[in-house]
N, C-alpha and C. Protein backbone atom coordinates (compact mmCIF):
# COMPACT_ATOMS: atom_id res chain seq x y z
N MET A 1 7.96 11.11 -13.49
CA MET A 1 8.68 10.27 -12.58
C MET A 1 9.74 11.10 -11.88
N THR A 2 9.95 10.84 -10.59
CA THR A 2 10.94 11.59 -9.83
C THR A 2 12.33 11.03 -10.08
N ALA A 3 13.37 11.77 -9.71
CA ALA A 3 14.74 11.29 -9.85
C ALA A 3 14.94 10.01 -9.06
N ALA A 4 14.30 9.90 -7.89
CA ALA A 4 14.42 8.69 -7.08
C ALA A 4 13.78 7.51 -7.78
N GLY A 5 12.92 7.79 -8.75
CA GLY A 5 12.19 6.73 -9.42
C GLY A 5 12.78 6.30 -10.74
N THR A 6 14.07 6.43 -10.94
CA THR A 6 14.71 6.03 -12.18
C THR A 6 14.56 4.53 -12.39
N VAL A 7 14.18 4.14 -13.59
CA VAL A 7 13.95 2.72 -13.87
C VAL A 7 14.71 2.24 -15.11
N GLY A 8 15.67 2.99 -15.57
CA GLY A 8 16.37 2.63 -16.78
C GLY A 8 17.05 1.26 -16.69
N GLY A 9 17.13 0.58 -17.85
CA GLY A 9 17.85 -0.67 -17.93
C GLY A 9 17.06 -1.91 -17.57
N ARG A 10 15.80 -1.80 -17.21
CA ARG A 10 15.00 -2.98 -16.88
C ARG A 10 13.89 -3.12 -17.90
N GLU A 11 13.54 -4.35 -18.21
CA GLU A 11 12.47 -4.59 -19.17
C GLU A 11 11.11 -4.61 -18.51
N SER A 12 11.05 -5.06 -17.25
CA SER A 12 9.78 -5.06 -16.53
C SER A 12 10.02 -4.74 -15.06
N LEU A 13 8.97 -4.27 -14.42
CA LEU A 13 9.02 -3.90 -13.01
C LEU A 13 7.78 -4.43 -12.31
N ARG A 14 7.93 -4.81 -11.03
CA ARG A 14 6.76 -5.16 -10.21
C ARG A 14 6.22 -3.84 -9.67
N LEU A 15 4.99 -3.52 -10.02
CA LEU A 15 4.41 -2.22 -9.66
C LEU A 15 3.19 -2.37 -8.75
N PHE A 16 3.02 -1.39 -7.88
CA PHE A 16 1.77 -1.26 -7.13
C PHE A 16 1.58 0.20 -6.76
N CYS A 17 0.33 0.55 -6.49
CA CYS A 17 -0.02 1.90 -6.04
C CYS A 17 -0.48 1.79 -4.59
N GLY A 18 -0.15 2.79 -3.79
CA GLY A 18 -0.55 2.75 -2.39
C GLY A 18 -0.43 4.10 -1.72
N PHE A 19 -0.83 4.12 -0.45
CA PHE A 19 -0.71 5.30 0.39
C PHE A 19 0.50 5.12 1.31
N PRO A 20 1.53 5.97 1.20
CA PRO A 20 2.59 5.94 2.21
C PRO A 20 2.01 6.41 3.55
N LEU A 21 2.47 5.81 4.63
CA LEU A 21 1.98 6.18 5.96
C LEU A 21 2.80 7.34 6.52
N PRO A 22 2.19 8.16 7.38
CA PRO A 22 2.94 9.23 8.04
C PRO A 22 4.07 8.63 8.90
N ASP A 23 5.18 9.36 9.01
CA ASP A 23 6.34 8.88 9.76
C ASP A 23 5.99 8.46 11.18
N ASP A 24 5.19 9.26 11.88
CA ASP A 24 4.84 8.93 13.26
C ASP A 24 4.03 7.63 13.32
N THR A 25 3.15 7.43 12.36
CA THR A 25 2.36 6.20 12.31
C THR A 25 3.27 5.00 12.06
N VAL A 26 4.22 5.13 11.14
CA VAL A 26 5.17 4.05 10.87
C VAL A 26 5.93 3.71 12.14
N ARG A 27 6.42 4.72 12.85
CA ARG A 27 7.17 4.49 14.08
C ARG A 27 6.34 3.73 15.10
N ARG A 28 5.09 4.14 15.27
CA ARG A 28 4.22 3.51 16.26
C ARG A 28 3.85 2.08 15.87
N VAL A 29 3.62 1.84 14.57
CA VAL A 29 3.33 0.48 14.12
C VAL A 29 4.55 -0.40 14.34
N ALA A 30 5.75 0.10 14.03
CA ALA A 30 6.97 -0.69 14.23
C ALA A 30 7.17 -1.04 15.71
N GLU A 31 6.89 -0.11 16.60
CA GLU A 31 6.99 -0.40 18.04
C GLU A 31 5.99 -1.48 18.44
N TRP A 32 4.78 -1.39 17.92
CA TRP A 32 3.74 -2.39 18.19
C TRP A 32 4.16 -3.75 17.64
N GLN A 33 4.69 -3.78 16.41
CA GLN A 33 5.14 -5.04 15.82
C GLN A 33 6.17 -5.72 16.72
N ALA A 34 7.15 -4.94 17.19
CA ALA A 34 8.21 -5.50 18.03
C ALA A 34 7.66 -6.09 19.32
N ALA A 35 6.61 -5.47 19.86
CA ALA A 35 6.04 -5.93 21.13
C ALA A 35 5.01 -7.04 20.98
N GLN A 36 4.29 -7.08 19.86
CA GLN A 36 3.13 -7.97 19.73
C GLN A 36 3.28 -9.13 18.75
N LEU A 37 4.11 -8.98 17.74
CA LEU A 37 4.17 -9.99 16.69
C LEU A 37 5.36 -10.92 16.92
N THR A 38 5.07 -12.11 17.42
CA THR A 38 6.10 -13.02 17.89
C THR A 38 6.44 -14.13 16.91
N ASP A 39 5.72 -14.25 15.83
CA ASP A 39 5.91 -15.33 14.87
C ASP A 39 5.89 -14.75 13.46
N GLY A 40 6.63 -15.35 12.53
CA GLY A 40 6.61 -14.88 11.15
C GLY A 40 7.66 -13.82 10.89
N ARG A 41 7.58 -13.21 9.71
CA ARG A 41 8.53 -12.18 9.29
C ARG A 41 7.83 -10.82 9.32
N VAL A 42 8.27 -9.98 10.22
CA VAL A 42 7.68 -8.65 10.38
C VAL A 42 8.02 -7.79 9.16
N VAL A 43 7.03 -7.07 8.65
CA VAL A 43 7.23 -6.15 7.53
C VAL A 43 8.04 -4.96 8.06
N PRO A 44 9.17 -4.64 7.42
CA PRO A 44 10.00 -3.54 7.92
C PRO A 44 9.31 -2.18 7.78
N PRO A 45 9.70 -1.23 8.63
CA PRO A 45 9.05 0.09 8.61
C PRO A 45 8.99 0.74 7.23
N GLY A 46 10.04 0.63 6.44
CA GLY A 46 10.07 1.25 5.12
C GLY A 46 9.09 0.65 4.13
N ASN A 47 8.51 -0.50 4.46
CA ASN A 47 7.55 -1.15 3.56
C ASN A 47 6.11 -1.03 4.03
N LEU A 48 5.86 -0.35 5.13
CA LEU A 48 4.49 -0.20 5.62
C LEU A 48 3.75 0.82 4.77
N HIS A 49 2.57 0.44 4.28
CA HIS A 49 1.76 1.29 3.41
C HIS A 49 0.35 0.69 3.34
N VAL A 50 -0.55 1.40 2.71
CA VAL A 50 -1.88 0.88 2.40
C VAL A 50 -1.92 0.68 0.89
N THR A 51 -2.08 -0.56 0.44
CA THR A 51 -2.10 -0.84 -1.00
C THR A 51 -3.42 -0.42 -1.62
N LEU A 52 -3.33 0.27 -2.74
CA LEU A 52 -4.51 0.63 -3.54
C LEU A 52 -4.73 -0.38 -4.66
N ALA A 53 -3.65 -0.76 -5.34
CA ALA A 53 -3.75 -1.72 -6.46
C ALA A 53 -2.38 -2.34 -6.69
N PHE A 54 -2.33 -3.67 -6.75
CA PHE A 54 -1.10 -4.39 -7.07
C PHE A 54 -1.17 -4.81 -8.53
N LEU A 55 -0.24 -4.34 -9.33
CA LEU A 55 -0.25 -4.62 -10.76
C LEU A 55 0.65 -5.79 -11.15
N GLY A 56 1.59 -6.14 -10.30
CA GLY A 56 2.52 -7.21 -10.62
C GLY A 56 3.55 -6.76 -11.64
N SER A 57 4.14 -7.71 -12.35
CA SER A 57 5.19 -7.42 -13.32
C SER A 57 4.60 -6.74 -14.55
N ARG A 58 5.11 -5.55 -14.84
CA ARG A 58 4.63 -4.76 -15.97
C ARG A 58 5.83 -4.26 -16.77
N PRO A 59 5.68 -4.10 -18.09
CA PRO A 59 6.76 -3.51 -18.89
C PRO A 59 7.08 -2.10 -18.38
N THR A 60 8.36 -1.73 -18.44
CA THR A 60 8.74 -0.40 -17.98
C THR A 60 7.99 0.70 -18.73
N GLY A 61 7.58 0.43 -19.95
CA GLY A 61 6.82 1.41 -20.72
C GLY A 61 5.46 1.74 -20.13
N ASP A 62 4.98 0.91 -19.19
CA ASP A 62 3.68 1.16 -18.54
C ASP A 62 3.77 2.17 -17.41
N VAL A 63 4.97 2.47 -16.94
CA VAL A 63 5.13 3.30 -15.75
C VAL A 63 4.44 4.65 -15.91
N GLU A 64 4.67 5.33 -17.00
CA GLU A 64 4.11 6.68 -17.16
C GLU A 64 2.59 6.65 -17.24
N GLN A 65 2.01 5.69 -17.95
CA GLN A 65 0.54 5.65 -18.03
C GLN A 65 -0.07 5.26 -16.69
N VAL A 66 0.58 4.39 -15.92
CA VAL A 66 0.08 4.05 -14.58
C VAL A 66 0.18 5.26 -13.67
N ALA A 67 1.30 5.97 -13.74
CA ALA A 67 1.46 7.20 -12.94
C ALA A 67 0.38 8.21 -13.33
N GLY A 68 0.09 8.33 -14.61
CA GLY A 68 -0.96 9.24 -15.07
C GLY A 68 -2.32 8.84 -14.54
N ALA A 69 -2.61 7.54 -14.52
CA ALA A 69 -3.89 7.07 -13.97
C ALA A 69 -3.99 7.40 -12.49
N LEU A 70 -2.88 7.25 -11.76
CA LEU A 70 -2.88 7.60 -10.33
C LEU A 70 -3.11 9.09 -10.14
N ARG A 71 -2.44 9.92 -10.93
CA ARG A 71 -2.64 11.37 -10.84
C ARG A 71 -4.10 11.74 -11.10
N GLU A 72 -4.69 11.18 -12.14
CA GLU A 72 -6.09 11.47 -12.48
C GLU A 72 -7.03 11.01 -11.37
N ALA A 73 -6.81 9.80 -10.86
CA ALA A 73 -7.69 9.26 -9.81
C ALA A 73 -7.62 10.09 -8.54
N ALA A 74 -6.45 10.67 -8.27
CA ALA A 74 -6.25 11.43 -7.03
C ALA A 74 -6.80 12.85 -7.09
N GLU A 75 -7.11 13.33 -8.29
CA GLU A 75 -7.60 14.70 -8.43
C GLU A 75 -8.86 14.92 -7.61
N GLY A 76 -8.82 15.92 -6.74
CA GLY A 76 -9.99 16.29 -5.95
C GLY A 76 -10.31 15.36 -4.78
N ILE A 77 -9.49 14.34 -4.55
CA ILE A 77 -9.73 13.42 -3.43
C ILE A 77 -9.16 14.03 -2.16
N GLU A 78 -9.97 14.13 -1.15
CA GLU A 78 -9.51 14.63 0.15
C GLU A 78 -8.65 13.58 0.83
N PRO A 79 -7.64 13.99 1.57
CA PRO A 79 -6.79 13.01 2.28
C PRO A 79 -7.62 12.13 3.21
N PRO A 80 -7.48 10.81 3.07
CA PRO A 80 -8.22 9.90 3.95
C PRO A 80 -7.70 9.96 5.39
N VAL A 81 -8.62 9.75 6.31
CA VAL A 81 -8.27 9.62 7.72
C VAL A 81 -8.63 8.20 8.13
N PHE A 82 -7.63 7.47 8.61
CA PHE A 82 -7.82 6.08 8.98
C PHE A 82 -7.75 5.88 10.49
N THR A 83 -8.42 4.85 10.96
CA THR A 83 -8.25 4.33 12.31
C THR A 83 -8.14 2.81 12.18
N VAL A 84 -7.48 2.18 13.15
CA VAL A 84 -7.32 0.73 13.13
C VAL A 84 -8.58 0.08 13.68
N ARG A 85 -9.15 -0.84 12.91
CA ARG A 85 -10.34 -1.57 13.35
C ARG A 85 -9.98 -2.87 14.05
N ARG A 86 -9.07 -3.67 13.42
CA ARG A 86 -8.73 -4.97 14.00
C ARG A 86 -7.49 -5.55 13.34
N TYR A 87 -6.97 -6.62 13.94
CA TYR A 87 -5.89 -7.41 13.34
C TYR A 87 -6.55 -8.61 12.68
N ARG A 88 -6.03 -8.99 11.50
CA ARG A 88 -6.59 -10.12 10.75
C ARG A 88 -5.46 -10.90 10.09
N GLU A 89 -5.62 -12.22 10.01
CA GLU A 89 -4.65 -13.05 9.30
C GLU A 89 -5.33 -13.72 8.11
N THR A 90 -4.59 -13.79 7.00
CA THR A 90 -5.01 -14.57 5.84
C THR A 90 -4.08 -15.79 5.80
N ARG A 91 -4.03 -16.48 4.68
CA ARG A 91 -3.17 -17.66 4.60
C ARG A 91 -1.68 -17.31 4.60
N SER A 92 -1.32 -16.04 4.28
CA SER A 92 0.10 -15.71 4.19
C SER A 92 0.52 -14.39 4.84
N VAL A 93 -0.45 -13.59 5.29
CA VAL A 93 -0.09 -12.30 5.91
C VAL A 93 -0.96 -11.99 7.12
N GLY A 94 -0.39 -11.17 8.01
CA GLY A 94 -1.14 -10.55 9.10
C GLY A 94 -1.28 -9.08 8.76
N MET A 95 -2.45 -8.52 9.05
CA MET A 95 -2.70 -7.13 8.66
C MET A 95 -3.49 -6.37 9.72
N LEU A 96 -3.33 -5.07 9.68
CA LEU A 96 -4.18 -4.17 10.45
C LEU A 96 -5.26 -3.67 9.49
N VAL A 97 -6.50 -4.04 9.75
CA VAL A 97 -7.62 -3.60 8.93
C VAL A 97 -8.00 -2.20 9.39
N LEU A 98 -8.20 -1.30 8.44
CA LEU A 98 -8.44 0.11 8.74
C LEU A 98 -9.86 0.52 8.42
N ASP A 99 -10.37 1.49 9.18
CA ASP A 99 -11.62 2.16 8.85
C ASP A 99 -11.29 3.43 8.09
N ASP A 100 -12.04 3.68 7.04
CA ASP A 100 -11.91 4.85 6.18
C ASP A 100 -13.20 5.64 6.35
N ALA A 101 -13.29 6.39 7.44
CA ALA A 101 -14.55 7.01 7.85
C ALA A 101 -15.19 7.87 6.77
N SER A 102 -14.41 8.65 6.05
CA SER A 102 -14.98 9.54 5.04
C SER A 102 -15.25 8.83 3.72
N GLY A 103 -14.63 7.68 3.53
CA GLY A 103 -14.79 6.96 2.27
C GLY A 103 -13.88 7.46 1.16
N SER A 104 -13.02 8.44 1.44
CA SER A 104 -12.19 9.00 0.37
C SER A 104 -11.13 8.02 -0.12
N ALA A 105 -10.61 7.16 0.75
CA ALA A 105 -9.64 6.15 0.29
C ALA A 105 -10.33 5.16 -0.64
N GLY A 106 -11.50 4.72 -0.27
CA GLY A 106 -12.26 3.80 -1.12
C GLY A 106 -12.62 4.44 -2.45
N ALA A 107 -12.95 5.72 -2.43
CA ALA A 107 -13.28 6.43 -3.68
C ALA A 107 -12.06 6.51 -4.58
N LEU A 108 -10.90 6.80 -4.01
CA LEU A 108 -9.69 6.85 -4.82
C LEU A 108 -9.37 5.47 -5.38
N ALA A 109 -9.49 4.42 -4.56
CA ALA A 109 -9.24 3.06 -5.03
C ALA A 109 -10.16 2.71 -6.21
N GLU A 110 -11.42 3.03 -6.08
CA GLU A 110 -12.39 2.73 -7.15
C GLU A 110 -12.03 3.47 -8.43
N ARG A 111 -11.74 4.76 -8.33
CA ARG A 111 -11.37 5.54 -9.50
C ARG A 111 -10.09 5.02 -10.14
N LEU A 112 -9.12 4.65 -9.32
CA LEU A 112 -7.85 4.13 -9.83
C LEU A 112 -8.06 2.79 -10.52
N HIS A 113 -8.82 1.89 -9.90
CA HIS A 113 -9.07 0.57 -10.50
C HIS A 113 -9.72 0.73 -11.88
N GLU A 114 -10.71 1.61 -11.98
CA GLU A 114 -11.38 1.83 -13.27
C GLU A 114 -10.39 2.29 -14.34
N ARG A 115 -9.53 3.25 -13.98
CA ARG A 115 -8.57 3.79 -14.96
C ARG A 115 -7.55 2.73 -15.36
N LEU A 116 -7.05 1.98 -14.40
CA LEU A 116 -6.05 0.95 -14.69
C LEU A 116 -6.64 -0.18 -15.55
N GLU A 117 -7.90 -0.52 -15.29
CA GLU A 117 -8.57 -1.54 -16.11
C GLU A 117 -8.73 -1.05 -17.55
N ARG A 118 -9.12 0.20 -17.72
CA ARG A 118 -9.26 0.76 -19.08
C ARG A 118 -7.93 0.73 -19.83
N LEU A 119 -6.84 0.90 -19.11
CA LEU A 119 -5.51 0.84 -19.73
C LEU A 119 -5.09 -0.59 -20.05
N GLY A 120 -5.77 -1.56 -19.44
CA GLY A 120 -5.43 -2.96 -19.65
C GLY A 120 -4.22 -3.43 -18.85
N VAL A 121 -3.91 -2.72 -17.77
CA VAL A 121 -2.74 -3.07 -16.96
C VAL A 121 -3.11 -3.67 -15.61
N TYR A 122 -4.41 -3.83 -15.35
CA TYR A 122 -4.85 -4.27 -14.03
C TYR A 122 -6.15 -5.04 -14.17
N GLU A 123 -6.26 -6.10 -13.39
CA GLU A 123 -7.52 -6.82 -13.29
C GLU A 123 -7.97 -6.76 -11.83
N ARG A 124 -9.13 -6.18 -11.64
CA ARG A 124 -9.67 -5.98 -10.29
C ARG A 124 -9.88 -7.33 -9.60
N GLU A 125 -9.59 -7.35 -8.30
CA GLU A 125 -9.83 -8.56 -7.52
C GLU A 125 -11.33 -8.77 -7.36
N LYS A 126 -11.74 -10.00 -7.17
CA LYS A 126 -13.16 -10.31 -7.03
C LYS A 126 -13.74 -9.77 -5.72
N ARG A 127 -12.92 -9.77 -4.68
CA ARG A 127 -13.39 -9.23 -3.40
C ARG A 127 -13.27 -7.71 -3.39
N ARG A 128 -14.06 -7.10 -2.55
CA ARG A 128 -14.06 -5.64 -2.42
C ARG A 128 -12.73 -5.16 -1.85
N TRP A 129 -12.28 -3.99 -2.28
CA TRP A 129 -11.03 -3.42 -1.78
C TRP A 129 -11.13 -3.22 -0.27
N LEU A 130 -10.08 -3.56 0.44
CA LEU A 130 -10.04 -3.46 1.90
C LEU A 130 -8.83 -2.61 2.30
N ALA A 131 -9.09 -1.51 2.98
CA ALA A 131 -8.00 -0.68 3.49
C ALA A 131 -7.30 -1.44 4.61
N HIS A 132 -6.00 -1.68 4.43
CA HIS A 132 -5.24 -2.41 5.44
C HIS A 132 -3.74 -2.14 5.29
N VAL A 133 -3.02 -2.43 6.35
CA VAL A 133 -1.56 -2.37 6.34
C VAL A 133 -1.06 -3.77 6.65
N THR A 134 -0.31 -4.36 5.73
CA THR A 134 0.30 -5.66 5.98
C THR A 134 1.45 -5.45 6.95
N VAL A 135 1.42 -6.19 8.07
CA VAL A 135 2.43 -6.01 9.12
C VAL A 135 3.27 -7.26 9.35
N LEU A 136 2.84 -8.42 8.81
CA LEU A 136 3.51 -9.68 9.08
C LEU A 136 3.32 -10.61 7.89
N ARG A 137 4.36 -11.37 7.54
CA ARG A 137 4.28 -12.39 6.49
C ARG A 137 4.68 -13.72 7.11
N PHE A 138 4.06 -14.81 6.62
CA PHE A 138 4.35 -16.12 7.19
C PHE A 138 4.00 -17.21 6.19
N LYS A 139 4.53 -18.41 6.44
CA LYS A 139 4.20 -19.57 5.60
C LYS A 139 2.95 -20.26 6.11
N ARG A 140 2.78 -20.27 7.42
CA ARG A 140 1.58 -20.83 8.04
C ARG A 140 1.05 -19.83 9.05
N PRO A 141 -0.25 -19.57 9.04
CA PRO A 141 -0.79 -18.57 9.97
C PRO A 141 -0.46 -18.92 11.42
N PRO A 142 0.14 -17.97 12.15
CA PRO A 142 0.46 -18.23 13.54
C PRO A 142 -0.74 -18.12 14.47
N ARG A 143 -1.87 -17.64 13.94
CA ARG A 143 -3.10 -17.47 14.71
C ARG A 143 -2.89 -16.57 15.94
N LEU A 144 -2.24 -15.45 15.68
CA LEU A 144 -2.00 -14.48 16.75
C LEU A 144 -3.29 -13.71 17.03
N GLU A 145 -3.42 -13.25 18.23
CA GLU A 145 -4.55 -12.40 18.61
C GLU A 145 -4.04 -11.19 19.39
N PRO A 146 -3.18 -10.38 18.74
CA PRO A 146 -2.59 -9.25 19.45
C PRO A 146 -3.60 -8.13 19.68
N ALA A 147 -3.39 -7.39 20.75
CA ALA A 147 -4.14 -6.15 20.94
C ALA A 147 -3.72 -5.22 19.80
N VAL A 148 -4.65 -4.50 19.21
CA VAL A 148 -4.29 -3.61 18.10
C VAL A 148 -3.58 -2.37 18.64
N PRO A 149 -2.71 -1.79 17.82
CA PRO A 149 -1.99 -0.60 18.28
C PRO A 149 -2.94 0.59 18.41
N ASP A 150 -2.68 1.42 19.37
CA ASP A 150 -3.46 2.65 19.55
C ASP A 150 -2.81 3.75 18.73
N LEU A 151 -3.21 3.84 17.47
CA LEU A 151 -2.64 4.85 16.58
C LEU A 151 -3.49 6.11 16.53
N GLY A 152 -4.68 6.05 17.11
CA GLY A 152 -5.60 7.17 16.96
C GLY A 152 -5.98 7.30 15.49
N ALA A 153 -6.47 8.47 15.11
CA ALA A 153 -6.80 8.73 13.71
C ALA A 153 -5.54 9.28 13.04
N PHE A 154 -5.23 8.78 11.85
CA PHE A 154 -4.07 9.31 11.12
C PHE A 154 -4.47 9.57 9.67
N GLU A 155 -3.92 10.65 9.16
CA GLU A 155 -4.25 11.12 7.81
C GLU A 155 -3.11 10.79 6.85
N VAL A 156 -3.46 10.32 5.66
CA VAL A 156 -2.45 10.15 4.61
C VAL A 156 -2.68 11.25 3.58
N VAL A 157 -1.60 11.88 3.19
CA VAL A 157 -1.72 13.06 2.32
C VAL A 157 -1.16 12.84 0.92
N ARG A 158 -0.66 11.62 0.66
CA ARG A 158 -0.09 11.31 -0.64
C ARG A 158 -0.49 9.91 -1.07
N ALA A 159 -0.52 9.69 -2.36
CA ALA A 159 -0.61 8.36 -2.95
C ALA A 159 0.65 8.21 -3.79
N ALA A 160 1.09 6.96 -3.98
CA ALA A 160 2.35 6.76 -4.68
C ALA A 160 2.29 5.54 -5.60
N LEU A 161 3.11 5.60 -6.64
CA LEU A 161 3.38 4.45 -7.50
C LEU A 161 4.71 3.89 -7.04
N TYR A 162 4.71 2.60 -6.69
CA TYR A 162 5.91 1.95 -6.16
C TYR A 162 6.44 0.90 -7.13
N HIS A 163 7.74 0.70 -7.06
CA HIS A 163 8.41 -0.44 -7.70
C HIS A 163 8.85 -1.35 -6.57
N SER A 164 8.51 -2.64 -6.67
CA SER A 164 8.86 -3.63 -5.66
C SER A 164 9.92 -4.56 -6.23
N SER A 165 11.10 -4.57 -5.62
CA SER A 165 12.18 -5.48 -6.01
C SER A 165 12.24 -6.61 -5.00
N LEU A 166 12.17 -7.84 -5.49
CA LEU A 166 12.27 -8.99 -4.60
C LEU A 166 13.74 -9.26 -4.30
N ARG A 167 14.05 -9.39 -3.02
CA ARG A 167 15.42 -9.64 -2.55
C ARG A 167 15.40 -10.84 -1.62
N PRO A 168 16.54 -11.48 -1.39
CA PRO A 168 16.57 -12.62 -0.48
C PRO A 168 16.02 -12.31 0.92
N GLY A 169 16.23 -11.09 1.41
CA GLY A 169 15.75 -10.71 2.74
C GLY A 169 14.34 -10.13 2.74
N GLY A 170 13.68 -10.11 1.59
CA GLY A 170 12.35 -9.53 1.49
C GLY A 170 12.32 -8.45 0.42
N ALA A 171 11.14 -7.97 0.14
CA ALA A 171 10.97 -6.97 -0.92
C ALA A 171 11.53 -5.61 -0.49
N GLN A 172 12.00 -4.87 -1.48
CA GLN A 172 12.44 -3.50 -1.27
C GLN A 172 11.57 -2.62 -2.15
N TYR A 173 10.99 -1.55 -1.57
CA TYR A 173 10.08 -0.68 -2.30
C TYR A 173 10.74 0.65 -2.60
N VAL A 174 10.53 1.12 -3.83
CA VAL A 174 11.02 2.43 -4.26
C VAL A 174 9.84 3.20 -4.82
N VAL A 175 9.65 4.43 -4.37
CA VAL A 175 8.59 5.28 -4.89
C VAL A 175 9.04 5.83 -6.24
N LEU A 176 8.23 5.56 -7.27
CA LEU A 176 8.53 6.09 -8.61
C LEU A 176 7.88 7.44 -8.84
N GLU A 177 6.69 7.61 -8.26
CA GLU A 177 5.99 8.90 -8.34
C GLU A 177 5.09 9.04 -7.13
N SER A 178 5.02 10.26 -6.61
CA SER A 178 4.18 10.56 -5.46
C SER A 178 3.23 11.68 -5.83
N VAL A 179 1.96 11.53 -5.43
CA VAL A 179 0.91 12.46 -5.80
C VAL A 179 0.27 13.03 -4.53
N ALA A 180 0.20 14.35 -4.43
CA ALA A 180 -0.45 14.97 -3.27
C ALA A 180 -1.95 14.83 -3.38
N LEU A 181 -2.61 14.64 -2.25
CA LEU A 181 -4.07 14.54 -2.20
C LEU A 181 -4.63 15.86 -1.68
N GLY A 182 -5.89 16.11 -2.00
CA GLY A 182 -6.56 17.29 -1.46
C GLY A 182 -6.47 18.51 -2.33
N GLY A 183 -6.20 18.33 -3.60
CA GLY A 183 -6.18 19.47 -4.51
C GLY A 183 -4.83 19.67 -5.01
């Protein structure tokens, strides 16, 4: 765990694993959000990421084994290159659905899910993993049809274990451990 990822004094933490986005991609998504997303609560730039696995509330003692599973799953995985396919809304979020042309993000997700399940800290969702960036949260779908941002192809070079703290103004994410991809 990194110094930034200190978790002392808490009995449980809300954990998830994901891909942090490159700074330029975050900037461009934030500009697009400001111009295109007119309803709901926009996800702040510091919270933009691609989720690999949401574990929910876990005992602090699970942090090291989850970080170890992420490190193992990331071994030998080439950095994924994403492009934006479309905007999609569910019952509570708006997202940018991504294409993972090489399949390396999907491979890492699959390897990570298997390891986390073996540890007993994660239950895989019934639907197939979908590479996406949540950009908007809402109570009722606004049924927006924004033009998607022109981000071009962007590469993610790290995977991370995050701690999510719920706050009155929205969640705050802290990276507990970051893992380089590509060897």
